[in-house]
Amino acid sequence: MAHEIKIPSVGESISSATIATWNKKDGDGVKEGDQIVTIDTDKVSQDLEAPVEGILHIKAEEGEEVEVGAVIATIEEGQVADSTGSDDSGASEEKSSASEESAASDEGGSGDEDHVRATPVARKIAEEKGIDLADVEGSGAAGRVTKSDVLAASEGGSSKPELSVVESNAGETTSRSAADQGERTTRKKMTPLRRKIANALVSAQQNAALLTTFNECDMSEVMGLRKRIQDSFVAKHGMKLGFMSFFVKAVVEGLKSVPAINAQIDGDEIVQNHYFDIGVAVGTEKGLIVPVIRDCDKKSFAEIEQDIAEYAKKAREGKIKIDDLQGGVFTISNGGIYGSMLSTPILNPPQSGILGMHNIQQRPMAVNGEVVIRPMMYLALSYDHRIVDGKEAVTFLVRVKECIEDPTRLLVGA
């Protein structure tokens, strides 16, 4: 029995997904629960698992954009040999037979092309254009010839950067990519997530009256507090106390002091939020995402740190879900972890404010008439001037500064 692997519905606004990576090859045996493919949408990446044990037959190539509900693979149910080869010979023969049937149906033809692995779409295009698949270099799983490979070959190009073999001084043979050979440009399609980020940033610039105000804060007290209680915090909660939980709590206090920033414009109406779900920007290999920490006003520092750690892990593993990214009222972006000294962050629509944290630097400061060296951080608040006035923005930023420079305020609400 063949089980279909379809693109799942991952959100009302998402109608398609792109095949990012096949983690298994066509004809491979898979176990129930194996992660077989990673798909990208304009908001998240998601791994799809094998629902049954059997032989995998791939129907959509890497890089292909497919509609929600489309079948991208099937699994011919049956026992397969495990990685150690401990299953009996019957299972191995079944896998071999299934693989051969897959090859016969997927790679039909005769002559020189009999041994060429190619997708059905690629084979059809090659036949229409009179291209010999044996002459086309495959870029898909296990060297499989894909649609883009055939199209590139029809235009006289190659689906992948050409490699040349050169002799090194030591007599070793090495490969050089197109970039190594001095190619001036390469071209690749934007991922759905990158397209979404690009559109959102342009939309924020066009549809809001953006303004940024700056301040700086002395990190001495927070750093001293973390140093004093870090060991006991780790022993009790199993994680370190970071800076972000302090800023999340400080932002909550700022939003309570200036409700206008905890609001958003919807048409000709102002929607006032009475909850404190704070988004924390996280950089991934595929782009910036903003998972949301819920009810930050009700959570302890440890609970906030736990949420941040869990989101970071899910982001690394590509397991962030749509629900994790929706409903935030304000965003914090920490460019300081990359060494940024100062920036003007862009709003995360439809929110009305975003706080940019930056690098901590030892700087000379005047304190009580004396010059002292203090660990200082620049803060940047970008906001929608249509709903937030300058006075309110400055008041918010000063409140955040007060809470960071005297973190005991966060404990007693002063």
Protein backbone atom coordinates (compact mmCIF):
# COMPACT_ATOMS: atom_id res chain seq x y z
CA MET A 1 0.00 0.00 0.00
CA ALA A 2 1.34 3.42 -0.96
CA HIS A 3 1.06 6.24 1.56
CA GLU A 4 1.11 9.78 0.15
CA ILE A 5 3.30 12.52 1.64
CA LYS A 6 1.55 15.84 1.10
CA ILE A 7 2.40 19.47 1.82
CA PRO A 8 0.48 20.17 5.04
CA SER A 9 -1.53 23.28 5.78
CA VAL A 10 0.62 25.36 8.16
CA GLY A 11 -1.39 28.58 8.26
CA GLU A 12 -4.37 30.29 6.67
CA SER A 13 -2.22 32.74 4.72
CA ILE A 14 0.17 30.10 3.33
CA SER A 15 -0.78 28.47 0.02
CA SER A 16 2.51 26.90 -1.05
CA ALA A 17 5.87 25.64 0.18
CA THR A 18 9.29 24.98 -1.29
CA ILE A 19 11.11 21.67 -1.04
CA ALA A 20 14.26 22.67 0.84
CA THR A 21 16.07 19.39 1.45
CA TRP A 22 15.35 15.73 0.98
CA ASN A 23 16.92 13.95 3.94
CA LYS A 24 16.39 10.59 2.26
CA LYS A 25 17.06 9.52 -1.32
CA ASP A 26 14.61 8.18 -3.83
CA GLY A 27 14.29 4.44 -3.29
CA ASP A 28 15.63 4.57 0.28
CA GLY A 29 14.02 2.54 3.00
CA VAL A 30 12.56 4.66 5.78
CA LYS A 31 11.32 3.91 9.27
CA GLU A 32 8.17 5.34 10.78
CA GLY A 33 9.05 8.71 12.32
CA ASP A 34 12.14 9.31 10.14
CA GLN A 35 12.53 12.93 9.05
CA ILE A 36 12.41 12.60 5.28
CA VAL A 37 12.12 16.15 3.96
CA THR A 38 12.38 19.79 5.05
CA ILE A 39 9.98 22.29 3.51
CA ASP A 40 10.17 26.08 3.61
CA THR A 41 7.24 28.46 3.68
CA ASP A 42 7.28 32.24 3.84
CA LYS A 43 7.17 32.04 7.63
CA VAL A 44 8.72 28.80 8.90
CA SER A 45 10.65 25.68 7.97
CA GLN A 46 9.13 22.33 8.82
CA ASP A 47 10.34 18.73 8.81
CA LEU A 48 7.94 16.06 7.55
CA GLU A 49 8.17 12.57 9.01
CA ALA A 50 7.49 9.18 7.49
CA PRO A 51 4.05 7.96 8.67
CA VAL A 52 4.92 4.30 7.97
CA GLU A 53 7.87 2.05 7.27
CA GLY A 54 8.63 1.34 3.65
CA ILE A 55 10.31 2.48 0.44
CA LEU A 56 10.37 6.20 -0.39
CA HIS A 57 9.49 7.39 -3.91
CA ILE A 58 10.20 11.11 -4.42
CA LYS A 59 7.89 13.06 -6.75
CA ALA A 60 9.03 16.67 -6.22
CA GLU A 61 12.56 17.95 -6.55
CA GLU A 62 14.56 20.17 -4.21
CA GLY A 63 13.89 23.84 -4.87
CA GLU A 64 10.47 23.18 -6.39
CA GLU A 65 7.55 25.26 -5.10
CA VAL A 66 4.40 23.20 -4.61
CA GLU A 67 0.87 23.95 -3.48
CA VAL A 68 -0.48 23.01 -0.07
CA GLY A 69 -2.03 19.55 -0.37
CA ALA A 70 0.19 18.46 -3.25
CA VAL A 71 1.74 14.99 -3.12
CA ILE A 72 5.52 15.27 -2.99
CA ALA A 73 6.35 11.63 -2.29
CA THR A 74 4.88 8.23 -1.59
CA ILE A 75 5.99 5.46 0.72
CA GLU A 76 5.38 1.87 -0.39
CA GLU A 77 4.57 0.26 2.93
CA GLY A 78 6.59 -2.77 3.93
CA GLN A 79 9.47 -3.92 6.09
CA VAL A 80 12.88 -2.51 5.21
CA ALA A 81 16.38 -3.39 6.35
CA ASP A 82 17.73 -1.26 9.20
CA SER A 83 21.06 0.57 9.13
CA THR A 84 22.88 -2.44 10.56
CA GLY A 85 21.38 -4.85 8.04
CA SER A 86 19.88 -6.96 10.82
CA ASP A 87 16.55 -7.59 9.03
CA ASP A 88 16.14 -10.88 7.19
CA SER A 89 16.98 -11.35 3.54
CA GLY A 90 13.33 -11.23 2.54
CA ALA A 91 13.12 -7.61 3.70
CA SER A 92 16.29 -6.76 1.80
CA GLU A 93 14.95 -8.42 -1.33
CA GLU A 94 11.69 -6.51 -0.95
CA LYS A 95 13.55 -3.21 -0.69
CA SER A 96 15.71 -4.09 -3.69
CA SER A 97 12.67 -5.08 -5.72
CA ALA A 98 10.82 -1.92 -4.80
CA SER A 99 13.84 0.20 -5.65
CA GLU A 100 14.17 -1.48 -9.02
CA GLU A 101 10.48 -0.94 -9.75
CA SER A 102 10.87 2.72 -8.79
CA ALA A 103 13.84 3.07 -11.13
CA ALA A 104 11.97 1.37 -13.94
CA SER A 105 8.89 3.58 -13.62
CA ASP A 106 10.78 6.80 -12.90
CA GLU A 107 13.61 6.37 -15.34
CA GLY A 108 11.89 4.64 -18.22
CA GLY A 109 13.51 4.71 -21.62
CA SER A 110 16.16 2.83 -23.49
CA GLY A 111 19.67 3.16 -24.79
CA ASP A 112 22.16 5.43 -23.05
CA GLU A 113 19.48 6.97 -20.83
CA ASP A 114 18.47 3.72 -19.09
CA HIS A 115 20.91 4.28 -16.24
CA VAL A 116 20.20 7.98 -15.75
CA ARG A 117 18.25 8.99 -12.63
CA ALA A 118 15.82 11.80 -13.45
CA THR A 119 12.52 13.20 -12.25
CA PRO A 120 9.47 12.58 -14.46
CA VAL A 121 9.23 16.31 -15.21
CA ALA A 122 12.90 16.47 -16.16
CA ARG A 123 12.53 13.45 -18.42
CA LYS A 124 9.52 14.94 -20.17
CA ILE A 125 11.23 18.28 -20.80
CA ALA A 126 14.37 16.53 -22.04
CA GLU A 127 12.28 14.53 -24.52
CA GLU A 128 10.49 17.65 -25.75
CA LYS A 129 13.74 19.56 -26.20
CA GLY A 130 15.69 16.64 -27.65
CA ILE A 131 18.24 16.61 -24.82
CA ASP A 132 20.21 13.47 -23.97
CA LEU A 133 19.86 13.02 -20.21
CA ALA A 134 23.17 11.20 -20.16
CA ASP A 135 24.84 14.52 -20.96
CA VAL A 136 23.10 16.42 -18.15
CA GLU A 137 24.70 16.73 -14.73
CA GLY A 138 22.14 16.05 -11.99
CA SER A 139 21.93 18.28 -8.93
CA GLY A 140 19.15 16.42 -7.12
CA ALA A 141 19.33 13.68 -4.50
CA ALA A 142 21.89 11.02 -5.44
CA GLY A 143 22.75 12.91 -8.62
CA ARG A 144 19.20 12.85 -9.90
CA VAL A 145 18.57 15.07 -12.94
CA THR A 146 15.97 17.72 -12.08
CA LYS A 147 13.81 20.08 -14.11
CA SER A 148 16.22 22.98 -13.50
CA ASP A 149 19.16 20.84 -14.68
CA VAL A 150 17.46 20.14 -18.01
CA LEU A 151 16.40 23.76 -18.48
CA ALA A 152 19.94 24.92 -17.75
CA ALA A 153 21.33 22.39 -20.22
CA SER A 154 18.85 23.56 -22.89
CA GLU A 155 20.19 27.09 -22.51
CA GLY A 156 23.75 25.92 -22.92
CA GLY A 157 24.57 26.30 -19.23
CA SER A 158 24.84 24.06 -16.22
CA SER A 159 22.57 23.56 -13.25
CA LYS A 160 25.51 23.82 -10.87
CA PRO A 161 28.71 25.92 -10.80
CA GLU A 162 31.19 24.18 -13.04
CA LEU A 163 34.10 22.49 -11.34
CA SER A 164 37.56 22.31 -12.82
CA VAL A 165 40.35 19.98 -11.78
CA VAL A 166 43.67 21.62 -11.04
CA GLU A 167 47.02 20.47 -9.75
CA SER A 168 48.21 21.99 -6.49
CA ASN A 169 51.87 22.63 -5.72
CA ALA A 170 51.93 19.39 -3.78
CA GLY A 171 50.66 17.48 -6.79
CA GLU A 172 47.19 16.95 -5.27
CA THR A 173 44.09 17.24 -7.42
CA THR A 174 41.55 19.78 -6.13
CA SER A 175 38.20 21.12 -7.33
CA ARG A 176 37.43 24.75 -7.95
CA SER A 177 33.96 26.27 -8.05
CA ALA A 178 32.82 28.98 -10.43
CA ALA A 179 33.58 31.58 -7.75
CA ASP A 180 37.12 30.27 -7.39
CA GLN A 181 37.56 30.57 -11.13
CA GLY A 182 36.70 34.27 -11.10
CA GLU A 183 33.01 34.15 -12.04
CA ARG A 184 31.64 37.63 -11.35
CA THR A 185 28.10 36.64 -10.35
CA THR A 186 25.95 33.68 -9.39
CA ARG A 187 22.18 33.63 -9.23
CA LYS A 188 19.73 31.74 -7.03
CA LYS A 189 16.06 32.04 -6.21
CA MET A 190 15.00 33.74 -2.99
CA THR A 191 13.58 31.41 -0.37
CA PRO A 192 9.95 31.96 0.66
CA LEU A 193 11.12 33.14 4.08
CA ARG A 194 13.52 35.69 2.57
CA ARG A 195 10.77 36.94 0.23
CA LYS A 196 8.44 37.33 3.21
CA ILE A 197 11.09 39.25 5.17
CA ALA A 198 11.77 41.51 2.20
CA ASN A 199 8.09 42.28 1.66
CA ALA A 200 7.50 42.92 5.36
CA LEU A 201 10.40 45.35 5.62
CA VAL A 202 9.30 47.31 2.56
CA SER A 203 5.71 47.34 3.85
CA ALA A 204 6.85 48.70 7.21
CA GLN A 205 8.74 51.52 5.52
CA GLN A 206 5.85 52.41 3.23
CA ASN A 207 2.90 52.08 5.60
CA ALA A 208 4.19 53.55 8.87
CA ALA A 209 5.65 56.90 9.90
CA LEU A 210 8.91 55.50 11.21
CA LEU A 211 11.01 57.42 13.69
CA THR A 212 13.85 56.29 15.96
CA THR A 213 14.97 57.75 19.26
CA PHE A 214 18.10 56.78 21.18
CA ASN A 215 19.38 56.53 24.72
CA GLU A 216 22.11 54.66 26.53
CA CYS A 217 22.16 52.63 29.70
CA ASP A 218 24.80 51.65 32.21
CA MET A 219 24.92 47.86 32.42
CA SER A 220 26.96 47.75 35.65
CA GLU A 221 24.11 46.78 37.98
CA VAL A 222 22.69 44.07 35.75
CA MET A 223 26.13 42.61 35.13
CA GLY A 224 26.93 42.68 38.83
CA LEU A 225 23.64 41.03 39.75
CA ARG A 226 24.12 38.28 37.18
CA LYS A 227 27.62 37.61 38.48
CA ARG A 228 26.45 37.37 42.09
CA ILE A 229 23.55 34.98 41.52
CA GLN A 230 24.56 33.12 38.35
CA ASP A 231 25.78 29.96 40.07
CA SER A 232 22.70 29.59 42.23
CA PHE A 233 20.42 30.44 39.28
CA VAL A 234 22.02 27.72 37.16
CA ALA A 235 21.87 25.22 40.02
CA LYS A 236 18.16 25.86 40.53
CA HIS A 237 16.93 26.30 36.98
CA GLY A 238 19.50 24.46 34.86
CA MET A 239 20.25 27.47 32.64
CA LYS A 240 22.10 30.76 32.75
CA LEU A 241 20.51 34.10 33.55
CA GLY A 242 20.95 36.19 30.41
CA PHE A 243 20.50 39.86 29.61
CA MET A 244 17.38 39.33 27.50
CA SER A 245 15.09 38.46 30.41
CA PHE A 246 16.00 41.78 32.06
CA PHE A 247 15.14 43.68 28.90
CA VAL A 248 11.89 41.75 28.39
CA LYS A 249 10.82 42.67 31.92
CA ALA A 250 11.97 46.28 31.43
CA VAL A 251 9.97 46.52 28.19
CA VAL A 252 6.86 45.29 30.03
CA GLU A 253 7.32 48.10 32.56
CA GLY A 254 7.79 50.56 29.71
CA LEU A 255 4.61 49.40 27.98
CA LYS A 256 2.67 49.72 31.22
CA SER A 257 3.95 53.28 31.59
CA VAL A 258 3.23 54.20 27.95
CA PRO A 259 0.18 52.22 26.72
CA ALA A 260 0.28 53.97 23.32
CA ILE A 261 3.26 51.83 22.33
CA ASN A 262 1.25 48.73 23.24
CA ALA A 263 -1.31 49.61 20.56
CA GLN A 264 -1.60 49.37 16.80
CA ILE A 265 -3.48 50.98 13.95
CA ASP A 266 -6.12 48.94 12.12
CA GLY A 267 -7.64 51.02 9.34
CA ASP A 268 -9.02 54.13 11.00
CA GLU A 269 -9.13 52.52 14.45
CA ILE A 270 -6.59 52.18 17.24
CA VAL A 271 -6.44 48.75 18.84
CA GLN A 272 -5.18 48.93 22.42
CA ASN A 273 -3.58 45.73 23.70
CA HIS A 274 -3.91 44.80 27.36
CA TYR A 275 -1.49 41.88 27.34
CA PHE A 276 2.27 41.64 27.07
CA ASP A 277 3.40 39.09 24.49
CA ILE A 278 6.92 40.16 23.50
CA GLY A 279 8.67 39.03 20.33
CA VAL A 280 12.39 38.30 20.49
CA ALA A 281 14.17 38.43 17.13
CA VAL A 282 16.27 35.32 16.42
CA GLY A 283 18.72 35.06 13.54
CA THR A 284 18.77 31.75 11.65
CA GLU A 285 20.63 30.50 8.61
CA LYS A 286 17.51 31.15 6.55
CA GLY A 287 16.69 34.60 7.89
CA LEU A 288 15.34 36.53 10.85
CA ILE A 289 12.33 35.16 12.72
CA VAL A 290 10.52 36.61 15.73
CA PRO A 291 9.10 33.99 18.12
CA VAL A 292 6.80 35.41 20.78
CA ILE A 293 7.11 34.98 24.54
CA ARG A 294 3.60 34.96 25.99
CA ASP A 295 2.35 36.83 29.08
CA CYS A 296 5.75 38.23 30.03
CA ASP A 297 4.20 40.29 32.82
CA LYS A 298 3.23 37.08 34.60
CA LYS A 299 6.41 35.10 34.04
CA SER A 300 9.54 34.91 36.16
CA PHE A 301 13.03 35.56 34.83
CA ALA A 302 13.62 31.80 34.75
CA GLU A 303 10.46 31.15 32.75
CA ILE A 304 11.41 33.81 30.21
CA GLU A 305 14.93 32.38 29.88
CA GLN A 306 13.42 28.92 29.42
CA ASP A 307 11.14 30.16 26.64
CA ILE A 308 14.05 31.88 24.90
CA ALA A 309 16.18 28.72 25.11
CA GLU A 310 13.39 26.54 23.74
CA TYR A 311 12.76 28.90 20.83
CA ALA A 312 16.48 29.04 20.04
CA LYS A 313 16.60 25.24 19.93
CA LYS A 314 13.50 25.01 17.74
CA ALA A 315 14.94 27.64 15.39
CA ARG A 316 18.19 25.70 15.02
CA GLU A 317 16.26 22.51 14.31
CA GLY A 318 13.81 24.19 11.94
CA LYS A 319 10.82 23.35 14.14
CA ILE A 320 9.39 26.81 14.73
CA LYS A 321 5.62 26.80 14.12
CA ILE A 322 3.34 29.55 12.83
CA ASP A 323 1.69 29.94 16.24
CA ASP A 324 5.12 30.65 17.76
CA LEU A 325 5.48 33.75 15.58
CA GLN A 326 2.05 35.35 15.85
CA GLY A 327 0.38 37.73 18.29
CA GLY A 328 3.31 39.77 19.57
CA VAL A 329 2.69 43.36 20.68
CA PHE A 330 6.32 44.55 20.71
CA THR A 331 9.69 43.26 19.49
CA ILE A 332 13.21 43.26 20.93
CA SER A 333 16.16 42.85 18.56
CA ASN A 334 19.63 42.25 19.95
CA GLY A 335 22.16 43.29 17.31
CA GLY A 336 24.79 43.48 20.03
CA ILE A 337 25.46 39.76 19.83
CA TYR A 338 26.89 40.42 16.35
CA GLY A 339 28.90 43.43 17.51
CA SER A 340 26.51 46.17 16.39
CA MET A 341 27.19 49.49 18.09
CA LEU A 342 24.11 51.38 16.88
CA SER A 343 21.24 50.81 14.46
CA THR A 344 17.71 51.92 13.60
CA PRO A 345 15.55 48.76 13.75
CA ILE A 346 12.51 48.46 11.47
CA LEU A 347 9.06 47.76 12.86
CA ASN A 348 7.54 44.30 12.83
CA PRO A 349 4.02 45.11 11.47
CA PRO A 350 1.43 45.63 12.79
CA GLN A 351 3.34 46.46 15.98
CA SER A 352 4.03 50.09 16.83
CA GLY A 353 7.44 49.73 18.48
CA ILE A 354 10.71 47.78 18.43
CA LEU A 355 13.68 48.07 20.79
CA GLY A 356 17.19 47.60 19.47
CA MET A 357 19.87 46.41 21.91
CA HIS A 358 23.52 46.87 21.00
CA ASN A 359 27.03 45.92 21.95
CA ILE A 360 28.23 46.56 25.52
CA GLN A 361 31.35 48.73 25.46
CA GLN A 362 33.54 50.08 28.20
CA ARG A 363 33.35 53.88 27.86
CA PRO A 364 34.40 56.87 29.97
CA MET A 365 31.36 58.41 31.66
CA ALA A 366 30.90 61.41 33.94
CA VAL A 367 29.48 60.18 37.27
CA ASN A 368 29.11 62.57 40.21
CA GLY A 369 31.59 64.96 38.64
CA GLU A 370 34.21 62.28 38.02
CA VAL A 371 35.20 60.38 34.89
CA VAL A 372 34.75 56.64 35.36
CA ILE A 373 34.79 53.66 33.02
CA ARG A 374 31.39 51.94 32.73
CA PRO A 375 29.96 49.16 30.55
CA MET A 376 27.51 51.08 28.36
CA MET A 377 24.90 49.99 25.81
CA TYR A 378 23.12 52.15 23.27
CA LEU A 379 19.37 51.59 23.02
CA ALA A 380 17.28 52.46 19.96
CA LEU A 381 13.49 52.64 19.91
CA SER A 382 11.85 52.74 16.49
CA TYR A 383 8.16 53.54 16.56
CA ASP A 384 5.18 54.46 14.43
CA HIS A 385 4.82 58.22 14.80
CA ARG A 386 1.21 58.02 13.64
CA ILE A 387 0.22 56.57 17.00
CA VAL A 388 3.19 57.28 19.28
CA ASP A 389 4.31 60.84 20.00
CA GLY A 390 7.92 61.79 20.63
CA LYS A 391 7.27 62.47 24.33
CA GLU A 392 5.80 58.99 24.76
CA ALA A 393 8.71 57.36 22.96
CA VAL A 394 11.27 59.13 25.14
CA THR A 395 9.30 58.30 28.30
CA PHE A 396 9.25 54.63 27.33
CA LEU A 397 12.98 54.54 26.63
CA VAL A 398 13.80 56.33 29.90
CA ARG A 399 11.67 53.81 31.79
CA VAL A 400 13.58 50.92 30.20
CA LYS A 401 16.87 52.64 31.07
CA GLU A 402 15.79 53.10 34.71
CA CYS A 403 14.86 49.43 35.07
CA ILE A 404 18.15 48.23 33.58
CA GLU A 405 20.33 50.59 35.59
CA ASP A 406 18.47 49.70 38.79
CA PRO A 407 17.05 46.17 38.28
CA THR A 408 15.57 46.07 41.78
CA ARG A 409 12.79 48.19 40.26
CA LEU A 410 11.74 45.10 38.30
CA LEU A 411 11.21 43.21 41.56
CA VAL A 412 9.14 45.81 43.37
CA GLY A 413 7.55 47.66 40.44
CA ALA A 414 9.08 51.00 41.39
